[in-house]
C-alpha atoms as a PDB file:
ATOM      1  CA  MET A   1      80.469  95.001 108.465  1.00  0.00           C
ATOM      2  CA  THR A   2      81.839  92.496 105.974  1.00  0.00           C
ATOM      3  CA  SER A   3      84.785  89.852 105.707  1.00  0.00           C
ATOM      4  CA  GLU A   4      86.209  88.557 102.448  1.00  0.00           C
ATOM      5  CA  PRO A   5      88.355  85.555 102.315  1.00  0.00           C
ATOM      6  CA  HIS A   6      92.196  85.477 101.688  1.00  0.00           C
ATOM      7  CA  ARG A   7      93.240  86.771  98.768  1.00  0.00           C
ATOM      8  CA  ARG A   8      96.413  86.744  96.722  1.00  0.00           C
ATOM      9  CA  ALA A   9      99.005  89.432  96.708  1.00  0.00           C
ATOM     10  CA  ILE A  10     100.741  91.746  94.658  1.00  0.00           C
ATOM     11  CA  GLY A  11     102.935  92.862  97.716  1.00  0.00           C
ATOM     12  CA  SER A  12     103.162  92.822 101.270  1.00  0.00           C
ATOM     13  CA  LEU A  13     103.362  95.633 103.489  1.00  0.00           C
ATOM     14  CA  ARG A  14     106.994  96.450 104.013  1.00  0.00           C
ATOM     15  CA  ALA A  15     107.078  99.856 106.255  1.00  0.00           C
ATOM     16  CA  VAL A  16     104.860 103.019 106.926  1.00  0.00           C
ATOM     17  CA  ALA A  17     106.958 105.982 105.998  1.00  0.00           C
ATOM     18  CA  LEU A  18     106.312 109.742 107.873  1.00  0.00           C
ATOM     19  CA  ASP A  19     108.135 112.401 106.522  1.00  0.00           C
ATOM     20  CA  ALA A  20     109.778 114.763 108.907  1.00  0.00           C
ATOM     21  CA  PRO A  21     112.542 117.810 108.718  1.00  0.00           C
ATOM     22  CA  ASP A  22     114.455 115.961 112.114  1.00  0.00           C
ATOM     23  CA  ILE A  23     114.221 112.172 111.668  1.00  0.00           C
ATOM     24  CA  ASP A  24     116.651 111.855 114.739  1.00  0.00           C
ATOM     25  CA  HIS A  25     114.187 113.735 117.147  1.00  0.00           C
ATOM     26  CA  LEU A  26     111.148 112.383 115.729  1.00  0.00           C
ATOM     27  CA  ALA A  27     112.482 108.266 116.531  1.00  0.00           C
ATOM     28  CA  THR A  28     113.120 109.233 119.804  1.00  0.00           C
ATOM     29  CA  PHE A  29     109.637 110.840 120.389  1.00  0.00           C
ATOM     30  CA  TYR A  30     108.195 107.726 119.768  1.00  0.00           C
ATOM     31  CA  GLU A  31     110.766 105.330 121.535  1.00  0.00           C
ATOM     32  CA  GLN A  32     109.929 107.114 124.551  1.00  0.00           C
ATOM     33  CA  LEU A  33     106.127 107.197 123.671  1.00  0.00           C
ATOM     34  CA  ALA A  34     105.836 103.497 122.267  1.00  0.00           C
ATOM     35  CA  ALA A  35     109.052 101.735 122.825  1.00  0.00           C
ATOM     36  CA  TRP A  36     109.497 101.448 119.473  1.00  0.00           C
ATOM     37  CA  ARG A  37     113.413 100.513 118.667  1.00  0.00           C
ATOM     38  CA  ARG A  38     115.739 101.287 115.594  1.00  0.00           C
ATOM     39  CA  VAL A  39     116.348  99.014 113.436  1.00  0.00           C
ATOM     40  CA  PRO A  40     120.419  99.452 112.772  1.00  0.00           C
ATOM     41  CA  ASP A  41     121.275 101.261 109.427  1.00  0.00           C
ATOM     42  CA  ASP A  42     123.683 103.497 108.155  1.00  0.00           C
ATOM     43  CA  ASP A  43     121.462 106.192 106.380  1.00  0.00           C
ATOM     44  CA  ASP A  44     121.266 109.768 107.256  1.00  0.00           C
ATOM     45  CA  GLU A  45     118.176 110.128 105.309  1.00  0.00           C
ATOM     46  CA  TRP A  46     116.105 107.013 107.027  1.00  0.00           C
ATOM     47  CA  ILE A  47     115.442 105.613 110.398  1.00  0.00           C
ATOM     48  CA  THR A  48     113.406 102.362 110.588  1.00  0.00           C
ATOM     49  CA  LEU A  49     111.140 101.723 114.217  1.00  0.00           C
ATOM     50  CA  ASP A  50     110.406  98.424 114.682  1.00  0.00           C
ATOM     51  CA  THR A  51     107.374  98.411 117.139  1.00  0.00           C
ATOM     52  CA  GLY A  52     107.665  94.813 118.498  1.00  0.00           C
ATOM     53  CA  ASP A  53     104.586  93.266 117.060  1.00  0.00           C
ATOM     54  CA  GLY A  54     104.799  93.174 113.582  1.00  0.00           C
ATOM     55  CA  TRP A  55     104.853  96.913 112.179  1.00  0.00           C
ATOM     56  CA  ARG A  56     107.953  98.622 110.773  1.00  0.00           C
ATOM     57  CA  ILE A  57     107.658 102.565 110.578  1.00  0.00           C
ATOM     58  CA  GLY A  58     110.401 104.307 108.614  1.00  0.00           C
ATOM     59  CA  LEU A  59     111.137 107.676 109.158  1.00  0.00           C
ATOM     60  CA  GLN A  60     112.329 109.914 105.894  1.00  0.00           C
ATOM     61  CA  ARG A  61     114.532 113.399 105.456  1.00  0.00           C
ATOM     62  CA  ALA A  62     111.880 115.861 104.308  1.00  0.00           C
ATOM     63  CA  THR A  63     114.114 119.145 104.030  1.00  0.00           C
ATOM     64  CA  GLY A  64     111.576 121.708 103.974  1.00  0.00           C
ATOM     65  CA  HIS A  65     108.677 119.457 105.102  1.00  0.00           C
ATOM     66  CA  VAL A  66     105.310 121.554 105.619  1.00  0.00           C
ATOM     67  CA  PRO A  67     103.373 119.661 108.349  1.00  0.00           C
ATOM     68  CA  PRO A  68      99.253 118.990 108.521  1.00  0.00           C
ATOM     69  CA  ASP A  69      97.254 121.545 109.886  1.00  0.00           C
ATOM     70  CA  TRP A  70      94.424 119.025 111.050  1.00  0.00           C
ATOM     71  CA  PRO A  71      91.888 119.650 110.396  1.00  0.00           C
ATOM     72  CA  ASP A  72      92.172 121.719 107.667  1.00  0.00           C
ATOM     73  CA  GLN A  73      92.034 120.598 104.660  1.00  0.00           C
ATOM     74  CA  SER A  74      94.127 123.586 102.836  1.00  0.00           C
ATOM     75  CA  ARG A  75      97.148 121.358 104.324  1.00  0.00           C
ATOM     76  CA  PRO A  76      95.602 117.895 104.971  1.00  0.00           C
ATOM     77  CA  GLN A  77      97.335 114.678 106.992  1.00  0.00           C
ATOM     78  CA  GLN A  78      96.829 112.572 104.871  1.00  0.00           C
ATOM     79  CA  ALA A  79      96.741 109.776 107.340  1.00  0.00           C
ATOM     80  CA  HIS A  80      97.170 109.090 110.931  1.00  0.00           C
ATOM     81  CA  LEU A  81      98.172 106.483 113.461  1.00  0.00           C
ATOM     82  CA  ASP A  82      95.930 104.932 115.891  1.00  0.00           C
ATOM     83  CA  PHE A  83      97.235 103.887 119.148  1.00  0.00           C
ATOM     84  CA  ARG A  84      95.739 102.008 121.886  1.00  0.00           C
ATOM     85  CA  VAL A  85      96.694 103.140 125.511  1.00  0.00           C
ATOM     86  CA  PRO A  86      95.073 102.011 129.395  1.00  0.00           C
ATOM     87  CA  ASP A  87      94.703 105.674 129.996  1.00  0.00           C
ATOM     88  CA  ILE A  88      94.290 108.268 127.279  1.00  0.00           C
ATOM     89  CA  ASP A  89      94.605 111.276 129.681  1.00  0.00           C
ATOM     90  CA  ALA A  90      98.110 109.970 131.026  1.00  0.00           C
ATOM     91  CA  ALA A  91      99.313 108.991 127.609  1.00  0.00           C
ATOM     92  CA  ALA A  92      98.541 112.343 126.122  1.00  0.00           C
ATOM     93  CA  GLU A  93     100.094 114.249 129.642  1.00  0.00           C
ATOM     94  CA  ARG A  94     103.611 112.028 128.528  1.00  0.00           C
ATOM     95  CA  ALA A  95     103.408 112.801 124.655  1.00  0.00           C
ATOM     96  CA  ARG A  96     102.959 116.536 125.549  1.00  0.00           C
ATOM     97  CA  GLN A  97     106.044 116.252 127.737  1.00  0.00           C
ATOM     98  CA  LEU A  98     107.780 114.877 124.993  1.00  0.00           C
ATOM     99  CA  GLY A  99     107.253 117.272 122.595  1.00  0.00           C
ATOM    100  CA  ALA A 100     103.495 116.256 121.112  1.00  0.00           C
ATOM    101  CA  THR A 101     100.527 119.336 121.041  1.00  0.00           C
ATOM    102  CA  LEU A 102      97.148 118.691 121.706  1.00  0.00           C
ATOM    103  CA  LEU A 103      94.483 119.079 119.508  1.00  0.00           C
ATOM    104  CA  ARG A 104      91.450 117.803 120.646  1.00  0.00           C
ATOM    105  CA  ARG A 105      89.950 115.382 123.529  1.00  0.00           C
ATOM    106  CA  ASN A 106      87.552 113.465 123.992  1.00  0.00           C
ATOM    107  CA  GLU A 107      86.029 110.108 126.370  1.00  0.00           C
ATOM    108  CA  ARG A 108      87.087 107.883 124.294  1.00  0.00           C
ATOM    109  CA  ARG A 109      90.045 109.443 122.131  1.00  0.00           C
ATOM    110  CA  HIS A 110      92.962 112.119 122.162  1.00  0.00           C
ATOM    111  CA  THR A 111      94.061 113.701 119.114  1.00  0.00           C
ATOM    112  CA  LEU A 112      97.649 114.806 119.422  1.00  0.00           C
ATOM    113  CA  ALA A 113     100.187 116.158 116.785  1.00  0.00           C
ATOM    114  CA  ASP A 114     103.994 114.556 117.203  1.00  0.00           C
ATOM    115  CA  PRO A 115     106.907 116.793 116.749  1.00  0.00           C
ATOM    116  CA  ALA A 116     106.955 116.676 113.248  1.00  0.00           C
ATOM    117  CA  GLY A 117     103.398 117.584 113.091  1.00  0.00           C
ATOM    118  CA  HIS A 118     101.883 114.357 112.030  1.00  0.00           C
ATOM    119  CA  PRO A 119      98.340 114.343 114.454  1.00  0.00           C
ATOM    120  CA  PHE A 120      97.672 110.696 115.537  1.00  0.00           C
ATOM    121  CA  ASP A 121      95.171 109.468 118.042  1.00  0.00           C
ATOM    122  CA  LEU A 122      95.133 107.713 121.181  1.00  0.00           C
ATOM    123  CA  CYS A 123      92.135 105.636 122.284  1.00  0.00           C
ATOM    124  CA  LEU A 124      91.346 104.123 125.391  1.00  0.00           C
ATOM    125  CA  ASN A 125      91.561 100.293 126.030  1.00  0.00           C
ATOM    126  CA  PRO A 126      91.818  99.853 129.579  1.00  0.00           C
ATOM    127  CA  ASP A 127      92.579  96.123 129.601  1.00  0.00           C
ATOM    128  CA  ASP A 128      96.188  96.022 127.899  1.00  0.00           C
ATOM    129  CA  PRO A 129      98.992  98.428 129.684  1.00  0.00           C
ATOM    130  CA  ARG A 130     101.254  98.472 126.809  1.00  0.00           C
ATOM    131  CA  THR A 131     100.843 101.487 124.111  1.00  0.00           C
ATOM    132  CA  ILE A 132      99.980  99.632 121.093  1.00  0.00           C
ATOM    133  CA  LEU A 133     100.169 101.279 117.133  1.00  0.00           C
ATOM    134  CA  MET A 134      96.191  99.662 116.539  1.00  0.00           C
ATOM    135  CA  GLY A 135      96.809 100.516 112.668  1.00  0.00           C
ATOM    136  CA  VAL A 136      97.185 103.220 110.322  1.00  0.00           C
ATOM    137  CA  MET A 137      94.121 105.663 108.987  1.00  0.00           C
ATOM    138  CA  LEU A 138      94.107 107.144 105.472  1.00  0.00           C
ATOM    139  CA  ASP A 139      92.140 110.017 104.557  1.00  0.00           C
ATOM    140  CA  CYS A 140      90.436 109.572 101.291  1.00  0.00           C
ATOM    141  CA  PRO A 141      87.689 110.631  98.870  1.00  0.00           C
ATOM    142  CA  ASP A 142      85.666 106.873  98.865  1.00  0.00           C
ATOM    143  CA  ALA A 143      86.780 104.589 101.743  1.00  0.00           C
ATOM    144  CA  LYS A 144      85.073 101.783  99.437  1.00  0.00           C
ATOM    145  CA  ALA A 145      86.959 102.040  96.726  1.00  0.00           C
ATOM    146  CA  LEU A 146      90.877 102.757  98.095  1.00  0.00           C
ATOM    147  CA  SER A 147      89.940  99.692 100.792  1.00  0.00           C
ATOM    148  CA  HIS A 148      89.624  97.331  97.755  1.00  0.00           C
ATOM    149  CA  PHE A 149      92.492  99.082  95.694  1.00  0.00           C
ATOM    150  CA  TYR A 150      94.801  98.062  99.122  1.00  0.00           C
ATOM    151  CA  ALA A 151      92.978  94.621  99.855  1.00  0.00           C
ATOM    152  CA  GLU A 152      94.059  93.813  96.083  1.00  0.00           C
ATOM    153  CA  LEU A 153      97.671  95.289  96.504  1.00  0.00           C
ATOM    154  CA  LEU A 154      98.526  93.661  99.877  1.00  0.00           C
ATOM    155  CA  GLY A 155      96.280  90.531 100.049  1.00  0.00           C
ATOM    156  CA  LYS A 156      94.477  91.764 103.141  1.00  0.00           C
ATOM    157  CA  PRO A 157      90.554  90.718 103.499  1.00  0.00           C
ATOM    158  CA  VAL A 158      88.218  93.845 103.821  1.00  0.00           C
ATOM    159  CA  THR A 159      86.972  92.998 107.325  1.00  0.00           C
ATOM    160  CA  TYR A 160      84.962  96.133 107.727  1.00  0.00           C
ATOM    161  CA  GLU A 161      83.084  98.547 105.420  1.00  0.00           C
ATOM    162  CA  ALA A 162      80.280 101.078 106.848  1.00  0.00           C
ATOM    163  CA  ASP A 163      79.494 104.526 105.492  1.00  0.00           C
ATOM    164  CA  GLY A 164      82.622 106.527 104.625  1.00  0.00           C
ATOM    165  CA  VAL A 165      84.824 104.081 106.591  1.00  0.00           C
ATOM    166  CA  ALA A 166      86.448 100.860 106.015  1.00  0.00           C
ATOM    167  CA  MET A 167      89.406  98.752 106.860  1.00  0.00           C
ATOM    168  CA  ILE A 168      91.552  95.821 105.524  1.00  0.00           C
ATOM    169  CA  GLY A 169      92.864  92.975 107.458  1.00  0.00           C
ATOM    170  CA  GLU A 170      92.468  91.328 110.770  1.00  0.00           C
ATOM    171  CA  ASP A 171      92.721  93.406 114.495  1.00  0.00           C
ATOM    172  CA  GLY A 172      96.267  92.457 115.704  1.00  0.00           C
ATOM    173  CA  ALA A 173      97.419  91.978 112.315  1.00  0.00           C
ATOM    174  CA  GLN A 174      98.969  95.227 110.780  1.00  0.00           C
ATOM    175  CA  PRO A 175      95.441  96.693 109.699  1.00  0.00           C
ATOM    176  CA  LEU A 176      95.143  99.272 107.243  1.00  0.00           C
ATOM    177  CA  MET A 177      91.701 101.891 107.752  1.00  0.00           C
ATOM    178  CA  PHE A 178      90.189 104.345 105.455  1.00  0.00           C
ATOM    179  CA  GLN A 179      88.344 107.222 106.438  1.00  0.00           C
ATOM    180  CA  GLN A 180      86.192 109.301 103.591  1.00  0.00           C
ATOM    181  CA  VAL A 181      86.960 113.284 104.109  1.00  0.00           C
ATOM    182  CA  GLU A 182      84.968 115.763 102.578  1.00  0.00           C
ATOM    183  CA  GLN A 183      86.450 118.072 100.316  1.00  0.00           C
ATOM    184  CA  TYR A 184      89.712 115.943 100.207  1.00  0.00           C
ATOM    185  CA  THR A 185      92.859 117.440  98.750  1.00  0.00           C
ATOM    186  CA  ALA A 186      95.614 114.879  97.303  1.00  0.00           C
ATOM    187  CA  PRO A 187      99.221 114.730  97.685  1.00  0.00           C
ATOM    188  CA  ARG A 188     100.840 116.443  94.564  1.00  0.00           C
ATOM    189  CA  TRP A 189     104.230 114.467  94.513  1.00  0.00           C
ATOM    190  CA  PRO A 190     106.829 115.500  94.554  1.00  0.00           C
ATOM    191  CA  ASP A 191     105.495 118.930  94.817  1.00  0.00           C
ATOM    192  CA  PRO A 192     106.683 120.464  98.239  1.00  0.00           C
ATOM    193  CA  ALA A 193     103.193 122.562  98.556  1.00  0.00           C
ATOM    194  CA  TYR A 194     101.331 119.474  98.341  1.00  0.00           C
ATOM    195  CA  PRO A 195     103.029 116.880 100.455  1.00  0.00           C
ATOM    196  CA  GLN A 196     102.481 113.332 100.750  1.00  0.00           C
ATOM    197  CA  GLN A 197     103.483 113.373 104.669  1.00  0.00           C
ATOM    198  CA  ILE A 198     102.870 109.834 104.851  1.00  0.00           C
ATOM    199  CA  HIS A 199     103.203 106.627 102.515  1.00  0.00           C
ATOM    200  CA  LEU A 200     103.348 102.651 102.486  1.00  0.00           C
ATOM    201  CA  ASP A 201     106.374 100.744 101.222  1.00  0.00           C
ATOM    202  CA  VAL A 202     105.392  97.754  99.511  1.00  0.00           C
ATOM    203  CA  THR A 203     107.858  94.276  99.053  1.00  0.00           C
ATOM    204  CA  VAL A 204     107.620  93.014  95.875  1.00  0.00           C
ATOM    205  CA  GLN A 205     109.194  89.998  94.064  1.00  0.00           C
ATOM    206  CA  ASP A 206     108.932  91.143  90.722  1.00  0.00           C
ATOM    207  CA  VAL A 207     109.206  94.353  90.379  1.00  0.00           C
ATOM    208  CA  ASP A 208     107.924  94.305  86.965  1.00  0.00           C
ATOM    209  CA  ALA A 209     105.318  92.111  86.847  1.00  0.00           C
ATOM    210  CA  ALA A 210     103.940  93.905  90.688  1.00  0.00           C
ATOM    211  CA  GLU A 211     103.666  97.253  88.895  1.00  0.00           C
ATOM    212  CA  ARG A 212     101.588  95.549  85.980  1.00  0.00           C
ATOM    213  CA  ALA A 213      99.798  94.053  88.286  1.00  0.00           C
ATOM    214  CA  ALA A 214      99.377  97.490  90.502  1.00  0.00           C
ATOM    215  CA  LEU A 215      98.431  99.453  87.219  1.00  0.00           C
ATOM    216  CA  ASP A 216      95.656  96.635  86.396  1.00  0.00           C
ATOM    217  CA  ILE A 217      93.793  97.997  89.776  1.00  0.00           C
ATOM    218  CA  GLY A 218      93.984 101.985  89.295  1.00  0.00           C
ATOM    219  CA  ALA A 219      97.475 102.185  90.754  1.00  0.00           C
ATOM    220  CA  THR A 220      99.577 105.182  88.209  1.00  0.00           C
ATOM    221  CA  ARG A 221     103.301 105.598  87.776  1.00  0.00           C
ATOM    222  CA  LEU A 222     105.176 108.632  89.123  1.00  0.00           C
ATOM    223  CA  ASP A 223     108.411 110.158  88.197  1.00  0.00           C
ATOM    224  CA  GLY A 224     110.618 108.378  90.718  1.00  0.00           C
ATOM    225  CA  ALA A 225     112.910 105.179  90.779  1.00  0.00           C
ATOM    226  CA  GLY A 226     116.219 104.227  92.626  1.00  0.00           C
ATOM    227  CA  PRO A 227     118.134 100.566  92.456  1.00  0.00           C
ATOM    228  CA  ASN A 228     115.544  99.124  94.286  1.00  0.00           C
ATOM    229  CA  TRP A 229     112.203 101.310  94.523  1.00  0.00           C
ATOM    230  CA  ARG A 230     109.553 102.808  92.087  1.00  0.00           C
ATOM    231  CA  VAL A 231     107.048 105.039  92.998  1.00  0.00           C
ATOM    232  CA  TYR A 232     103.331 104.797  91.873  1.00  0.00           C
ATOM    233  CA  ALA A 233     100.003 106.734  93.413  1.00  0.00           C
ATOM    234  CA  ASP A 234      97.240 105.039  94.355  1.00  0.00           C
ATOM    235  CA  PRO A 235      93.445 106.038  93.274  1.00  0.00           C
ATOM    236  CA  ALA A 236      93.571 108.736  96.088  1.00  0.00           C
ATOM    237  CA  GLY A 237      96.553 110.110  94.635  1.00  0.00           C
ATOM    238  CA  LYS A 238      98.537 108.731  97.711  1.00  0.00           C
ATOM    239  CA  PRO A 239     102.394 107.966  96.791  1.00  0.00           C
ATOM    240  CA  PHE A 240     103.489 104.368  97.489  1.00  0.00           C
ATOM    241  CA  CYS A 241     106.439 102.404  96.535  1.00  0.00           C
ATOM    242  CA  LEU A 242     106.819  99.336  95.797  1.00  0.00           C
ATOM    243  CA  VAL A 243     110.458  97.812  97.002  1.00  0.00           C
ATOM    244  CA  TRP A 244     112.280  95.079  96.659  1.00  0.00           C
ATOM    245  CA  THR A 245     116.194  93.472  97.651  1.00  0.00           C
ATOM    246  CA  VAL A 246     119.164  93.857  95.551  1.00  0.00           C
END
């Protein structure tokens, strides 16, 4: 276990975005499962969900989306959401009724896939009646290296390190977690045969300065940009966006 002092951020986490072929259907699933609320938006290609406790989850339309086939690394999940629930059996049955698929169960957590195929975990927390998004877990070839990259990018301290796993940020303050995966297969955005599945949007004030800083700590610029976003890959090959207000 470890803890580091707060560091200056290159940017701040704006949203965790999931690819899906039917974003309205996926939004309805999470609204009913976790009581998340849609943020009003006129964009047909994107839906933002507010979790009510600091997270923003984006749903991005991906035509021809190839879902993960967890735990097969030929079609990897790339990342997953971890939820805390008071009763994992009841929560799993509720999720199944809403369109999820049960993938694995044990005494402390159940793994399911949402209607777009993204795995998520239901973790037992009997002391709280709510369904809470505990964190986002990123698969990677080197948990320590990737956690330190995102600690620099987002200004979150490394709060946990052990063999093959790490976490940045405090519990309850939108932590990101990292798990080392054997035979890790990186996304090859925008190749649909190697989809990103999930990406992070990072808000910055000065995109040129933020780009220089991100490249200095190991990011790679990818061929994608818009009026208020640019696409990069982290050291594990996962795409992320720097976004700003115009």
